[in-house]
């Protein structure tokens, strides 16, 4: 199987995230795009250090603000 980089996607109070992603973060509430992207990057870094089993269980995250 060829190596491919892990990817994340995020959205705020919008439609479901389209496209392939290993980690999906949805923000509910008031948050700017800049804050959401920074938080999603931080979450992605933490998530990428987890074991494969833990990653599968935490691949869809919802953040309520």
C-alpha atoms as a PDB file:
ATOM      1  CA  UNK A   1       0.000   0.000   0.000  1.00  0.00           C
ATOM      2  CA  UNK A   2       1.536   3.364  -0.977  1.00  0.00           C
ATOM      3  CA  UNK A   3       2.233   5.934   1.722  1.00  0.00           C
ATOM      4  CA  UNK A   4      -0.162   8.858   1.833  1.00  0.00           C
ATOM      5  CA  UNK A   5      -0.166  11.789   4.216  1.00  0.00           C
ATOM      6  CA  UNK A   6      -2.818  12.064   6.901  1.00  0.00           C
ATOM      7  CA  UNK A   7      -5.308  14.872   6.342  1.00  0.00           C
ATOM      8  CA  UNK A   8      -7.885  16.721   8.377  1.00  0.00           C
ATOM      9  CA  UNK A   9     -10.931  18.806   7.515  1.00  0.00           C
ATOM     10  CA  UNK A  10     -12.985  21.172   9.619  1.00  0.00           C
ATOM     11  CA  UNK A  11     -16.252  23.071   9.323  1.00  0.00           C
ATOM     12  CA  UNK A  12     -18.254  25.437  11.486  1.00  0.00           C
ATOM     13  CA  UNK A  13     -22.030  25.233  11.802  1.00  0.00           C
ATOM     14  CA  UNK A  14     -22.236  24.228   8.175  1.00  0.00           C
ATOM     15  CA  UNK A  15     -22.959  21.256   6.008  1.00  0.00           C
ATOM     16  CA  UNK A  16     -21.150  17.986   6.521  1.00  0.00           C
ATOM     17  CA  UNK A  17     -17.498  17.953   5.518  1.00  0.00           C
ATOM     18  CA  UNK A  18     -17.040  16.659   1.993  1.00  0.00           C
ATOM     19  CA  UNK A  19     -14.006  14.868   0.671  1.00  0.00           C
ATOM     20  CA  UNK A  20     -11.532  12.395   2.095  1.00  0.00           C
ATOM     21  CA  UNK A  21     -10.047  13.087   5.504  1.00  0.00           C
ATOM     22  CA  UNK A  22      -8.723  10.937   8.302  1.00  0.00           C
ATOM     23  CA  UNK A  23      -9.811  13.448  10.989  1.00  0.00           C
ATOM     24  CA  UNK A  24     -12.991  15.524  10.749  1.00  0.00           C
ATOM     25  CA  UNK A  25     -13.691  18.345  13.225  1.00  0.00           C
ATOM     26  CA  UNK A  26     -17.026  20.193  13.326  1.00  0.00           C
ATOM     27  CA  UNK A  27     -17.344  23.425  15.327  1.00  0.00           C
ATOM     28  CA  UNK A  28     -20.742  24.421  16.699  1.00  0.00           C
ATOM     29  CA  UNK A  29     -21.121  27.971  17.970  1.00  0.00           C
ATOM     30  CA  UNK A  30     -19.243  31.211  17.429  1.00  0.00           C
ATOM     31  CA  UNK A  31     -15.693  30.707  16.201  1.00  0.00           C
ATOM     32  CA  UNK A  32     -13.658  32.441  13.523  1.00  0.00           C
ATOM     33  CA  UNK A  33     -12.134  30.509  10.668  1.00  0.00           C
ATOM     34  CA  UNK A  34      -8.631  31.409  11.880  1.00  0.00           C
ATOM     35  CA  UNK A  35      -9.351  30.086  15.397  1.00  0.00           C
ATOM     36  CA  UNK A  36     -10.999  26.946  14.009  1.00  0.00           C
ATOM     37  CA  UNK A  37      -8.061  26.179  11.724  1.00  0.00           C
ATOM     38  CA  UNK A  38      -5.510  26.662  14.515  1.00  0.00           C
ATOM     39  CA  UNK A  39      -7.517  24.467  16.877  1.00  0.00           C
ATOM     40  CA  UNK A  40      -8.064  21.803  14.205  1.00  0.00           C
ATOM     41  CA  UNK A  41      -4.316  21.725  13.455  1.00  0.00           C
ATOM     42  CA  UNK A  42      -3.563  21.283  17.181  1.00  0.00           C
ATOM     43  CA  UNK A  43      -6.151  18.517  17.452  1.00  0.00           C
ATOM     44  CA  UNK A  44      -4.724  16.860  14.336  1.00  0.00           C
ATOM     45  CA  UNK A  45      -1.193  16.859  15.791  1.00  0.00           C
ATOM     46  CA  UNK A  46      -2.455  15.270  19.015  1.00  0.00           C
ATOM     47  CA  UNK A  47      -4.633  12.808  17.117  1.00  0.00           C
ATOM     48  CA  UNK A  48      -1.807  11.726  14.790  1.00  0.00           C
ATOM     49  CA  UNK A  49       0.267  10.602  17.810  1.00  0.00           C
ATOM     50  CA  UNK A  50      -2.436   8.174  18.981  1.00  0.00           C
ATOM     51  CA  UNK A  51      -2.412   4.446  18.263  1.00  0.00           C
ATOM     52  CA  UNK A  52      -4.333   3.209  15.214  1.00  0.00           C
ATOM     53  CA  UNK A  53      -7.200   1.889  17.354  1.00  0.00           C
ATOM     54  CA  UNK A  54      -7.561   5.189  19.218  1.00  0.00           C
ATOM     55  CA  UNK A  55      -7.391   7.156  15.966  1.00  0.00           C
ATOM     56  CA  UNK A  56     -10.295   5.198  14.500  1.00  0.00           C
ATOM     57  CA  UNK A  57     -12.414   5.947  17.583  1.00  0.00           C
ATOM     58  CA  UNK A  58     -11.564   9.680  17.565  1.00  0.00           C
ATOM     59  CA  UNK A  59     -11.726  10.419  13.841  1.00  0.00           C
ATOM     60  CA  UNK A  60     -14.981  12.455  14.065  1.00  0.00           C
ATOM     61  CA  UNK A  61     -14.872  15.269  16.617  1.00  0.00           C
ATOM     62  CA  UNK A  62     -17.485  17.902  17.463  1.00  0.00           C
ATOM     63  CA  UNK A  63     -16.465  21.030  19.366  1.00  0.00           C
ATOM     64  CA  UNK A  64     -19.198  23.082  21.044  1.00  0.00           C
ATOM     65  CA  UNK A  65     -18.346  26.699  21.864  1.00  0.00           C
END
